[in-house]
Amino acid sequence: MSEQPQADAPQPPGDASSDDVAADLTAVDADALDADAVDADAVDADALDLDALPSGAKGAVEAVLMVVEEPVTELALAEALALPPQQVADLLRELAAEYDQGGRGFELREVAGGWRVFSRADYAPVVERFVVGGQQARLTQAALETLAVVAYRQPVSRARVSAVRGVNVDGVMRTLVARGLVQEQGTDHESGAILYSTTGYFLERLGLTSVDELPALAPYLPEIDVLDELSEGASL
């Protein structure tokens, strides 16, 4: 007697078959993939195709350097151009070397924690001639001397600066603060006097990365304890 084909066992009410579950999972995976694709498209839409530019990533870095008003950090450039920080660092050094080797009228320098293009020192007379006519107000001798004291003794109070210079420096200090070269930096814990230090703009103007690069002139200035005695005597 031939065997009769057995009918599929009925599924308990409410239970899905394995095929149905697999189909549902496949549908979910497909939806997830579609969502990922949409996200990727959104990211790609915002991404820059630097390779399509005439000079590629290097040209992009150079273009940004031409419009910054203050030194820009490697990290800021990397984020703006969606490039690895190390690649940006390498490109900056390549550009600096190219400018030096090409004898250009400008140079790329690392100052105040960032990078910026400056006119080369050799061309200072040309630049000065263009700017001439006092269009750029220069610091007075008194302001330069006061700035030097702050630079080498920072953080320092106005009383101590006055003691070194032998004159009242209140007006000069206000000028230096207004010019962005000096800033307030807390107070003296003993006297409560406001302390002053140089700014990032000061470093930028001098082409330095930190005050540690200042010429070794500090030994010629009075020590702090001597300044205290001088400032106390000046206030009598």
Protein backbone atom coordinates (compact mmCIF):
# COMPACT_ATOMS: atom_id res chain seq x y z
CA MET A 1 0.00 0.00 0.00
CA SER A 2 1.43 3.36 -1.03
CA GLU A 3 2.10 5.95 1.62
CA GLN A 4 -0.14 9.00 1.63
CA PRO A 5 1.67 12.33 1.71
CA GLN A 6 1.38 13.87 5.11
CA ALA A 7 -0.19 17.28 5.42
CA ASP A 8 1.86 20.03 7.04
CA ALA A 9 1.18 20.22 10.72
CA PRO A 10 -1.08 23.18 11.46
CA GLN A 11 0.66 26.17 13.04
CA PRO A 12 -0.52 27.15 16.47
CA PRO A 13 -2.66 30.29 16.38
CA GLY A 14 -0.59 33.47 16.66
CA ASP A 15 2.77 31.80 15.83
CA ALA A 16 4.61 32.81 12.65
CA SER A 17 6.39 30.28 10.48
CA SER A 18 10.16 30.39 10.17
CA ASP A 19 9.73 31.54 6.56
CA ASP A 20 7.58 34.45 7.66
CA VAL A 21 10.09 35.44 10.34
CA ALA A 22 12.95 35.27 7.85
CA ALA A 23 10.97 37.41 5.43
CA ASP A 24 10.28 39.98 8.13
CA LEU A 25 13.95 40.10 9.15
CA THR A 26 14.98 40.51 5.53
CA ALA A 27 12.57 43.41 5.17
CA VAL A 28 13.93 45.03 8.34
CA ASP A 29 17.52 44.60 7.14
CA ALA A 30 16.60 46.10 3.79
CA ASP A 31 15.02 49.11 5.51
CA ALA A 32 18.11 49.54 7.68
CA LEU A 33 20.36 49.38 4.64
CA ASP A 34 18.20 51.93 2.86
CA ALA A 35 18.44 54.23 5.89
CA ASP A 36 22.21 53.82 5.98
CA ALA A 37 22.35 54.62 2.29
CA VAL A 38 20.36 57.80 2.87
CA ASP A 39 22.68 58.84 5.71
CA ALA A 40 25.72 58.14 3.56
CA ASP A 41 24.24 60.19 0.74
CA ALA A 42 23.64 63.06 3.16
CA VAL A 43 27.26 62.94 4.33
CA ASP A 44 28.58 62.71 0.79
CA ALA A 45 26.46 65.69 -0.18
CA ASP A 46 28.32 67.82 2.41
CA ALA A 47 31.75 66.35 1.68
CA LEU A 48 34.26 68.23 -0.47
CA ASP A 49 35.73 66.53 -3.51
CA LEU A 50 39.20 67.99 -3.06
CA ASP A 51 40.63 65.72 -5.75
CA ALA A 52 38.48 67.53 -8.30
CA LEU A 53 40.18 70.85 -7.51
CA PRO A 54 43.12 72.01 -9.68
CA SER A 55 45.71 71.60 -6.91
CA GLY A 56 43.82 69.11 -4.78
CA ALA A 57 44.03 69.19 -0.99
CA LYS A 58 47.18 71.32 -1.00
CA GLY A 59 45.45 74.02 -3.02
CA ALA A 60 42.47 73.90 -0.66
CA VAL A 61 44.70 74.47 2.37
CA GLU A 62 46.47 77.30 0.57
CA ALA A 63 43.18 78.97 -0.37
CA VAL A 64 42.02 79.02 3.25
CA LEU A 65 45.35 80.45 4.41
CA MET A 66 44.87 83.39 2.06
CA VAL A 67 41.70 84.56 3.79
CA VAL A 68 42.32 83.94 7.50
CA GLU A 69 42.76 87.06 9.63
CA GLU A 70 44.63 85.27 12.40
CA PRO A 71 46.75 82.10 12.66
CA VAL A 72 44.64 79.01 11.96
CA THR A 73 45.37 75.71 13.72
CA GLU A 74 46.04 72.43 11.95
CA LEU A 75 42.97 70.94 13.64
CA ALA A 76 40.70 73.74 12.41
CA LEU A 77 41.91 73.22 8.86
CA ALA A 78 41.50 69.46 9.15
CA GLU A 79 37.90 69.81 10.34
CA ALA A 80 36.99 72.38 7.70
CA LEU A 81 38.43 70.35 4.83
CA ALA A 82 37.56 66.89 6.21
CA LEU A 83 41.20 65.80 6.09
CA PRO A 84 43.33 63.84 8.59
CA PRO A 85 45.22 66.27 10.89
CA GLN A 86 48.54 64.65 10.00
CA GLN A 87 47.91 65.18 6.28
CA VAL A 88 47.14 68.84 6.94
CA ALA A 89 50.34 69.20 8.98
CA ASP A 90 52.35 67.66 6.14
CA LEU A 91 50.72 69.91 3.54
CA LEU A 92 51.43 73.03 5.59
CA ARG A 93 55.10 72.17 5.84
CA GLU A 94 55.24 71.38 2.12
CA LEU A 95 53.74 74.77 1.30
CA ALA A 96 56.15 76.54 3.66
CA ALA A 97 59.10 74.80 1.98
CA GLU A 98 57.80 75.63 -1.51
CA TYR A 99 57.45 79.32 -0.63
CA ASP A 100 60.98 79.39 0.78
CA GLN A 101 62.53 77.59 -2.18
CA GLY A 102 60.63 79.70 -4.69
CA GLY A 103 61.85 82.97 -3.20
CA ARG A 104 58.30 84.28 -2.95
CA GLY A 105 57.52 87.68 -1.47
CA PHE A 106 55.60 85.94 1.30
CA GLU A 107 56.17 83.03 3.63
CA LEU A 108 54.11 80.60 5.67
CA ARG A 109 54.97 80.60 9.35
CA GLU A 110 53.74 78.76 12.44
CA VAL A 111 53.01 81.40 15.08
CA ALA A 112 50.82 81.70 18.18
CA GLY A 113 49.73 78.06 17.90
CA GLY A 114 48.59 78.30 14.28
CA TRP A 115 49.67 79.02 10.70
CA ARG A 116 49.45 82.22 8.68
CA VAL A 117 50.94 83.78 5.56
CA PHE A 118 53.18 86.82 6.13
CA SER A 119 55.06 89.14 3.79
CA ARG A 120 58.72 88.14 3.83
CA ALA A 121 61.04 90.32 5.94
CA ASP A 122 63.23 91.01 2.90
CA TYR A 123 60.35 92.94 1.38
CA ALA A 124 59.62 95.07 4.45
CA PRO A 125 60.75 98.31 2.72
CA VAL A 126 58.34 97.65 -0.15
CA VAL A 127 55.43 96.94 2.19
CA GLU A 128 56.24 100.00 4.32
CA ARG A 129 56.31 102.16 1.21
CA PHE A 130 52.86 100.91 0.24
CA VAL A 131 51.42 101.43 3.66
CA VAL A 132 53.27 104.72 4.20
CA GLY A 133 51.95 107.97 5.29
CA GLY A 134 51.26 106.96 8.85
CA GLN A 135 48.25 104.88 7.86
CA GLN A 136 49.37 102.40 10.48
CA ALA A 137 49.82 104.04 13.87
CA ARG A 138 53.08 102.92 15.39
CA LEU A 139 53.70 102.38 19.08
CA THR A 140 55.55 105.14 20.86
CA GLN A 141 58.90 104.49 22.52
CA ALA A 142 57.16 104.59 25.90
CA ALA A 143 54.65 101.97 24.76
CA LEU A 144 57.39 99.72 23.39
CA GLU A 145 59.35 99.91 26.65
CA THR A 146 56.23 99.18 28.70
CA LEU A 147 55.34 96.26 26.44
CA ALA A 148 58.85 94.85 26.88
CA VAL A 149 58.53 94.92 30.67
CA VAL A 150 55.17 93.12 30.51
CA ALA A 151 56.54 90.54 28.07
CA TYR A 152 59.53 89.64 30.24
CA ARG A 153 57.88 89.87 33.68
CA GLN A 154 54.37 88.63 32.97
CA PRO A 155 52.06 88.29 34.70
CA VAL A 156 52.87 91.67 36.23
CA SER A 157 50.95 94.54 37.81
CA ARG A 158 50.97 98.14 36.58
CA ALA A 159 52.73 99.20 39.78
CA ARG A 160 55.63 96.88 39.05
CA VAL A 161 55.83 98.06 35.44
CA SER A 162 55.85 101.66 36.67
CA ALA A 163 58.63 100.80 39.12
CA VAL A 164 60.82 99.48 36.31
CA ARG A 165 60.18 102.43 33.99
CA GLY A 166 60.19 105.06 36.72
CA VAL A 167 57.04 106.73 35.41
CA ASN A 168 53.28 106.24 35.57
CA VAL A 169 52.19 103.77 32.88
CA ASP A 170 48.40 103.79 33.33
CA GLY A 171 47.74 105.54 30.02
CA VAL A 172 50.26 103.43 28.12
CA MET A 173 48.82 100.21 29.54
CA ARG A 174 45.35 101.23 28.39
CA THR A 175 46.75 101.80 24.91
CA LEU A 176 48.43 98.38 24.84
CA VAL A 177 45.21 96.70 25.98
CA ALA A 178 43.22 98.60 23.33
CA ARG A 179 45.71 97.50 20.66
CA GLY A 180 45.23 93.86 21.68
CA LEU A 181 48.87 93.39 22.72
CA VAL A 182 48.29 93.12 26.47
CA GLN A 183 45.45 91.61 28.47
CA GLU A 184 44.33 91.28 32.07
CA GLN A 185 45.24 87.94 33.63
CA GLY A 186 43.79 87.61 37.10
CA THR A 187 44.87 89.42 40.24
CA ASP A 188 47.77 89.23 42.66
CA HIS A 189 46.68 87.05 45.59
CA GLU A 190 48.48 89.29 48.09
CA SER A 191 47.83 92.84 46.91
CA GLY A 192 44.73 92.24 44.81
CA ALA A 193 46.31 94.24 41.97
CA ILE A 194 45.29 93.36 38.42
CA LEU A 195 47.98 91.39 36.59
CA TYR A 196 48.77 91.78 32.90
CA SER A 197 50.27 89.48 30.28
CA THR A 198 50.88 89.57 26.54
CA THR A 199 48.34 88.14 24.08
CA GLY A 200 48.33 85.73 21.18
CA TYR A 201 48.25 88.75 18.88
CA PHE A 202 51.51 89.94 20.46
CA LEU A 203 53.12 86.60 19.56
CA GLU A 204 51.67 86.78 16.06
CA ARG A 205 53.08 90.25 15.43
CA LEU A 206 56.53 89.13 16.56
CA GLY A 207 56.34 85.85 14.65
CA LEU A 208 56.73 83.73 17.78
CA THR A 209 54.98 80.58 18.98
CA SER A 210 55.50 81.34 22.69
CA VAL A 211 57.13 83.91 24.98
CA ASP A 212 59.89 81.36 25.59
CA GLU A 213 61.26 82.38 22.19
CA LEU A 214 61.83 85.99 23.26
CA PRO A 215 65.49 87.10 23.20
CA ALA A 216 67.32 86.54 26.48
CA LEU A 217 66.95 90.05 27.90
CA ALA A 218 65.12 89.20 31.12
CA PRO A 219 68.33 89.01 33.24
CA TYR A 220 68.79 92.75 32.67
CA LEU A 221 65.47 93.55 34.34
CA PRO A 222 65.11 93.78 38.14
CA GLU A 223 63.98 90.65 39.95
CA ILE A 224 60.44 90.47 41.33
CA ASP A 225 61.48 91.18 44.94
CA VAL A 226 63.35 94.28 43.78
CA LEU A 227 60.29 95.36 41.82
CA ASP A 228 58.22 95.03 44.97
CA GLU A 229 60.58 97.32 46.86
CA LEU A 230 60.61 99.82 44.00
CA SER A 231 56.83 99.81 43.66
CA GLU A 232 56.38 100.27 47.41
CA GLY A 233 58.82 103.17 47.37
CA ALA A 234 57.06 104.75 44.42
CA SER A 235 53.72 104.63 46.23
CA LEU A 236 55.04 106.46 49.32
